């Protein structure tokens, strides 16, 4: 029994008229399936707590990754520095070796160039030929080749026929015969072979296979007479092929005419 106006006790059923109907402290879910406000607050608080617990661990994980990354960068930097220093030293040593080799090659090339320039004169020094000498050139090829003035005039003619290498080869062989120093003989023989015998040379002279075989054997031990057979063959070629045309050329006729006029005036 309770007095009129008193609130119903806990767990007491409400009256039929509903005036004294009480409310239960434990709220049940609504009819639409919604969660009451109190439950939502509890869920939100749980979520906040779980996020707060996860944040330090994720921060620590990121910090650890950052340390590893920085350590990795340091390691890579050290390795890169070591590799760069090693590569630099290798390149430096290679450049030094290349410089020394280039200097040696340049010295050898300069020596070879000087010897080649000495063995191939641009023009022999000779006095102006007389009328008697020029007339003698028409008598025989030997008389033409025995005088420097005759060789210069004949060489000028060969240049117009693009066969000057024949005279240059013959003159180089004559100079080789005058050498006595073994090292100079070997060097000049090598230059003569490269300039006039090698098939790769633009100044290669025309020789038969027999003479080439003789030269290849002689080049094993070069001497003053290494190219004697080749020199004789080129001499014969100039005599039979170029000499007759030289006697009928304007170079010879103009020289002969100018000397004849000077002789008449004198």
Protein backbone atom coordinates (compact mmCIF):
# COMPACT_ATOMS: atom_id res chain seq x y z
CA UNK A 1 0.00 0.00 0.00
CA UNK A 2 1.18 3.49 -0.70
CA UNK A 3 -0.34 6.76 0.12
CA UNK A 4 -2.07 8.85 -2.44
CA UNK A 5 0.33 11.16 -4.18
CA UNK A 6 3.40 9.08 -3.44
CA UNK A 7 5.47 7.94 -6.39
CA UNK A 8 5.40 4.26 -7.07
CA UNK A 9 8.20 2.22 -5.70
CA UNK A 10 10.91 0.73 -7.82
CA UNK A 11 9.68 -2.29 -9.73
CA UNK A 12 6.00 -1.58 -8.96
CA UNK A 13 3.61 -1.97 -11.84
CA UNK A 14 1.80 1.14 -12.96
CA UNK A 15 -1.83 1.55 -12.23
CA UNK A 16 -4.47 0.97 -14.75
CA UNK A 17 -5.53 4.60 -15.11
CA UNK A 18 -1.99 5.58 -16.05
CA UNK A 19 -1.94 8.64 -13.78
CA UNK A 20 0.71 7.15 -11.59
CA UNK A 21 2.62 5.46 -14.45
CA UNK A 22 6.37 5.50 -13.68
CA UNK A 23 9.36 5.18 -15.97
CA UNK A 24 11.93 2.43 -15.83
CA UNK A 25 15.57 3.51 -15.41
CA UNK A 26 16.77 0.88 -17.95
CA UNK A 27 15.68 2.15 -21.31
CA UNK A 28 15.10 -0.39 -24.02
CA UNK A 29 15.74 0.22 -27.69
CA UNK A 30 13.12 2.21 -29.49
CA UNK A 31 10.68 0.83 -31.89
CA UNK A 32 12.73 2.02 -34.89
CA UNK A 33 15.94 0.23 -33.77
CA UNK A 34 17.69 3.46 -32.69
CA UNK A 35 20.15 3.38 -29.80
CA UNK A 36 19.30 5.77 -26.98
CA UNK A 37 21.50 8.79 -26.33
CA UNK A 38 23.26 7.23 -23.34
CA UNK A 39 24.48 4.29 -25.39
CA UNK A 40 25.70 6.60 -28.14
CA UNK A 41 27.76 8.56 -25.65
CA UNK A 42 29.30 5.39 -24.29
CA UNK A 43 30.17 4.19 -27.81
CA UNK A 44 31.74 7.54 -28.65
CA UNK A 45 33.80 7.49 -25.45
CA UNK A 46 35.00 3.95 -26.21
CA UNK A 47 36.01 5.00 -29.67
CA UNK A 48 37.89 8.04 -28.36
CA UNK A 49 39.75 5.88 -25.84
CA UNK A 50 40.70 3.32 -28.50
CA UNK A 51 41.93 6.08 -30.83
CA UNK A 52 43.94 7.63 -27.99
CA UNK A 53 45.57 4.27 -27.29
CA UNK A 54 46.38 3.66 -30.94
CA UNK A 55 47.88 7.13 -31.55
CA UNK A 56 51.03 6.70 -29.41
CA UNK A 57 51.79 3.32 -30.88
CA UNK A 58 51.38 4.62 -34.44
CA UNK A 59 53.53 7.63 -33.58
CA UNK A 60 56.21 5.36 -32.17
CA UNK A 61 56.02 3.18 -35.27
CA UNK A 62 56.37 6.21 -37.53
CA UNK A 63 59.27 7.46 -35.42
CA UNK A 64 60.97 4.09 -35.73
CA UNK A 65 60.44 4.09 -39.48
CA UNK A 66 61.89 7.59 -39.63
CA UNK A 67 64.95 6.48 -37.72
CA UNK A 68 65.41 3.53 -39.98
CA UNK A 69 64.99 5.75 -43.01
CA UNK A 70 67.49 8.25 -41.68
CA UNK A 71 69.89 5.47 -40.81
CA UNK A 72 69.40 3.99 -44.26
CA UNK A 73 70.07 7.36 -45.83
CA UNK A 74 73.22 7.72 -43.76
CA UNK A 75 74.30 4.25 -44.78
CA UNK A 76 73.58 4.93 -48.44
CA UNK A 77 75.37 8.27 -48.22
CA UNK A 78 78.44 6.63 -46.73
CA UNK A 79 78.39 3.93 -49.39
CA UNK A 80 77.92 6.49 -52.14
CA UNK A 81 80.83 8.54 -50.81
CA UNK A 82 83.06 5.47 -50.68
CA UNK A 83 82.06 4.39 -54.18
CA UNK A 84 82.52 7.90 -55.54
CA UNK A 85 85.98 8.14 -54.01
CA UNK A 86 86.94 4.76 -55.45
CA UNK A 87 85.64 5.68 -58.89
CA UNK A 88 87.44 9.03 -58.71
CA UNK A 89 90.75 7.34 -57.88
CA UNK A 90 90.30 4.83 -60.72
CA UNK A 91 89.46 7.56 -63.22
CA UNK A 92 92.37 9.67 -62.01
CA UNK A 93 94.85 6.83 -62.42
CA UNK A 94 93.42 5.98 -65.86
CA UNK A 95 93.71 9.60 -66.95
CA UNK A 96 97.30 9.75 -65.76
CA UNK A 97 98.15 6.57 -67.66
CA UNK A 98 96.37 7.88 -70.76
CA UNK A 99 98.27 11.18 -70.55
CA UNK A 100 101.62 9.39 -70.34
CA UNK A 101 100.69 7.10 -73.22
CA UNK A 102 99.54 10.06 -75.32
CA UNK A 103 102.80 11.86 -74.61
CA UNK A 104 104.80 8.80 -75.70
CA UNK A 105 102.71 8.43 -78.84
CA UNK A 106 103.08 12.12 -79.62
CA UNK A 107 106.85 11.91 -79.16
CA UNK A 108 107.02 8.87 -81.45
CA UNK A 109 104.76 10.57 -83.99
CA UNK A 110 106.88 13.72 -83.93
CA UNK A 111 110.05 11.71 -84.47
CA UNK A 112 108.48 9.79 -87.33
CA UNK A 113 107.20 13.01 -88.86
CA UNK A 114 110.66 14.59 -88.70
CA UNK A 115 112.27 11.56 -90.29
CA UNK A 116 109.59 11.46 -92.98
CA UNK A 117 110.08 15.15 -93.69
CA UNK A 118 113.84 14.62 -94.00
CA UNK A 119 113.46 11.59 -96.26
CA UNK A 120 111.00 13.35 -98.59
CA UNK A 121 112.41 16.74 -99.59
CA UNK A 122 110.06 19.16 -101.29
CA UNK A 123 112.67 20.07 -103.85
CA UNK A 124 116.32 19.26 -104.30
CA UNK A 125 118.72 22.14 -104.24
CA UNK A 126 120.27 22.51 -107.66
CA UNK A 127 121.64 25.28 -109.88
CA UNK A 128 119.81 26.29 -113.00
CA UNK A 129 120.54 23.69 -115.68
CA UNK A 130 122.50 24.67 -118.74
CA UNK A 131 121.37 24.19 -122.32
CA UNK A 132 123.84 21.33 -122.75
CA UNK A 133 122.45 19.49 -119.70
CA UNK A 134 118.85 19.84 -120.88
CA UNK A 135 119.80 18.55 -124.31
CA UNK A 136 121.54 15.59 -122.62
CA UNK A 137 118.31 14.65 -120.87
CA UNK A 138 116.86 13.75 -124.24
CA UNK A 139 119.71 11.32 -124.90
CA UNK A 140 118.98 8.91 -122.04
CA UNK A 141 116.93 8.53 -118.92
CA UNK A 142 120.08 7.90 -116.89
CA UNK A 143 121.44 11.35 -117.77
CA UNK A 144 118.14 12.88 -116.67
CA UNK A 145 118.11 11.08 -113.31
CA UNK A 146 121.80 11.68 -112.54
CA UNK A 147 121.42 15.46 -112.09
CA UNK A 148 119.35 17.17 -109.37
CA UNK A 149 117.95 19.68 -111.88
CA UNK A 150 116.82 16.81 -114.14
CA UNK A 151 115.13 15.01 -111.23
CA UNK A 152 113.33 18.22 -110.19
CA UNK A 153 112.01 18.84 -113.69
CA UNK A 154 110.94 15.20 -114.09
CA UNK A 155 109.30 15.22 -110.68
CA UNK A 156 107.31 18.31 -111.63
CA UNK A 157 106.03 16.46 -114.67
CA UNK A 158 105.11 13.36 -112.63
CA UNK A 159 103.09 15.59 -110.31
CA UNK A 160 100.88 16.59 -113.23
CA UNK A 161 100.24 12.89 -113.93
CA UNK A 162 99.57 12.07 -110.26
CA UNK A 163 102.50 9.65 -110.14
CA UNK A 164 104.96 11.68 -108.08
CA UNK A 165 105.19 8.83 -105.54
CA UNK A 166 107.43 6.91 -107.96
CA UNK A 167 110.12 9.59 -107.81
CA UNK A 168 109.67 10.06 -104.05
CA UNK A 169 110.09 6.32 -103.45
CA UNK A 170 113.23 6.18 -105.61
CA UNK A 171 114.73 9.17 -103.77
CA UNK A 172 113.88 7.68 -100.33
CA UNK A 173 115.65 4.46 -101.29
CA UNK A 174 118.73 6.42 -102.39
CA UNK A 175 118.84 8.19 -99.01
CA UNK A 176 118.42 4.88 -97.17
CA UNK A 177 121.54 3.53 -98.89
CA UNK A 178 123.57 6.38 -97.44
CA UNK A 179 122.68 5.56 -93.80
CA UNK A 180 124.97 3.57 -91.52
CA UNK A 181 123.23 3.82 -88.12
CA UNK A 182 121.20 0.67 -87.51
CA UNK A 183 118.37 2.34 -85.59
CA UNK A 184 118.00 5.08 -88.22
CA UNK A 185 118.00 2.44 -90.98
CA UNK A 186 115.22 0.49 -89.25
CA UNK A 187 113.11 3.60 -88.71
CA UNK A 188 113.52 4.88 -92.26
CA UNK A 189 112.81 1.43 -93.68
CA UNK A 190 109.60 1.29 -91.68
CA UNK A 191 108.56 4.73 -92.95
CA UNK A 192 109.30 3.77 -96.55
CA UNK A 193 107.23 0.61 -96.16
CA UNK A 194 104.29 2.48 -94.64
CA UNK A 195 104.40 5.29 -97.22
CA UNK A 196 105.03 3.40 -100.47
CA UNK A 197 104.68 -0.39 -100.00
CA UNK A 198 101.65 -0.80 -97.74
CA UNK A 199 98.36 -1.35 -99.59
CA UNK A 200 96.71 1.05 -97.12
CA UNK A 201 98.88 3.96 -98.17
CA UNK A 202 97.50 6.51 -100.68
CA UNK A 203 101.05 6.78 -102.10
CA UNK A 204 101.47 3.05 -102.77
CA UNK A 205 103.73 2.32 -105.74
CA UNK A 206 102.99 -0.38 -108.29
CA UNK A 207 104.99 -3.53 -107.53
CA UNK A 208 104.50 -7.16 -108.50
CA UNK A 209 103.90 -9.92 -105.96
CA UNK A 210 107.44 -11.32 -106.24
CA UNK A 211 109.04 -8.02 -105.23
CA UNK A 212 106.57 -7.59 -102.39
CA UNK A 213 107.49 -11.00 -100.99
CA UNK A 214 111.16 -10.05 -101.10
CA UNK A 215 110.44 -6.82 -99.23
CA UNK A 216 108.42 -8.62 -96.56
CA UNK A 217 111.32 -11.01 -95.94
CA UNK A 218 113.84 -8.19 -95.86
CA UNK A 219 111.76 -6.21 -93.35
CA UNK A 220 112.49 -8.86 -90.72
CA UNK A 221 116.02 -7.41 -90.58
CA UNK A 222 115.98 -4.06 -92.41
CA UNK A 223 119.17 -2.86 -94.11
CA UNK A 224 120.25 -0.28 -96.66
CA UNK A 225 119.35 -2.72 -99.46
CA UNK A 226 115.90 -3.78 -98.27
CA UNK A 227 114.16 -2.10 -101.23
CA UNK A 228 116.74 -2.60 -103.97
CA UNK A 229 114.51 -4.84 -106.12
CA UNK A 230 111.55 -2.51 -105.68
CA UNK A 231 113.64 0.56 -106.50
CA UNK A 232 114.89 -1.04 -109.71
CA UNK A 233 111.36 -1.98 -110.75
CA UNK A 234 110.07 1.57 -110.20
CA UNK A 235 113.07 3.02 -112.03
CA UNK A 236 112.30 0.79 -115.01
CA UNK A 237 108.62 1.78 -114.88
CA UNK A 238 109.45 5.50 -114.99
CA UNK A 239 111.93 4.92 -117.81
CA UNK A 240 109.54 3.02 -120.03
CA UNK A 241 106.27 4.75 -119.19
CA UNK A 242 106.79 8.31 -117.94
CA UNK A 243 110.06 9.37 -119.53
CA UNK A 244 108.85 9.38 -123.18
CA UNK A 245 105.87 11.54 -122.23
CA UNK A 246 108.14 13.91 -120.32
CA UNK A 247 110.24 14.53 -123.42
CA UNK A 248 107.10 15.59 -125.28
CA UNK A 249 105.63 17.62 -122.41
CA UNK A 250 105.29 21.39 -122.21
CA UNK A 251 107.49 21.41 -119.12
CA UNK A 252 110.52 20.11 -121.00
CA UNK A 253 109.87 22.07 -124.19
CA UNK A 254 109.37 25.39 -122.36
CA UNK A 255 112.57 24.86 -120.36
CA UNK A 256 114.51 24.01 -123.50
CA UNK A 257 113.15 27.02 -125.38
CA UNK A 258 113.90 29.49 -122.57
CA UNK A 259 117.48 28.26 -122.30
CA UNK A 260 117.93 28.42 -126.06
CA UNK A 261 116.72 32.05 -126.16
CA UNK A 262 119.09 33.00 -123.36
CA UNK A 263 121.96 31.34 -125.17
CA UNK A 264 121.18 33.23 -128.40
CA UNK A 265 121.00 36.57 -126.59
CA UNK A 266 124.28 35.92 -124.85
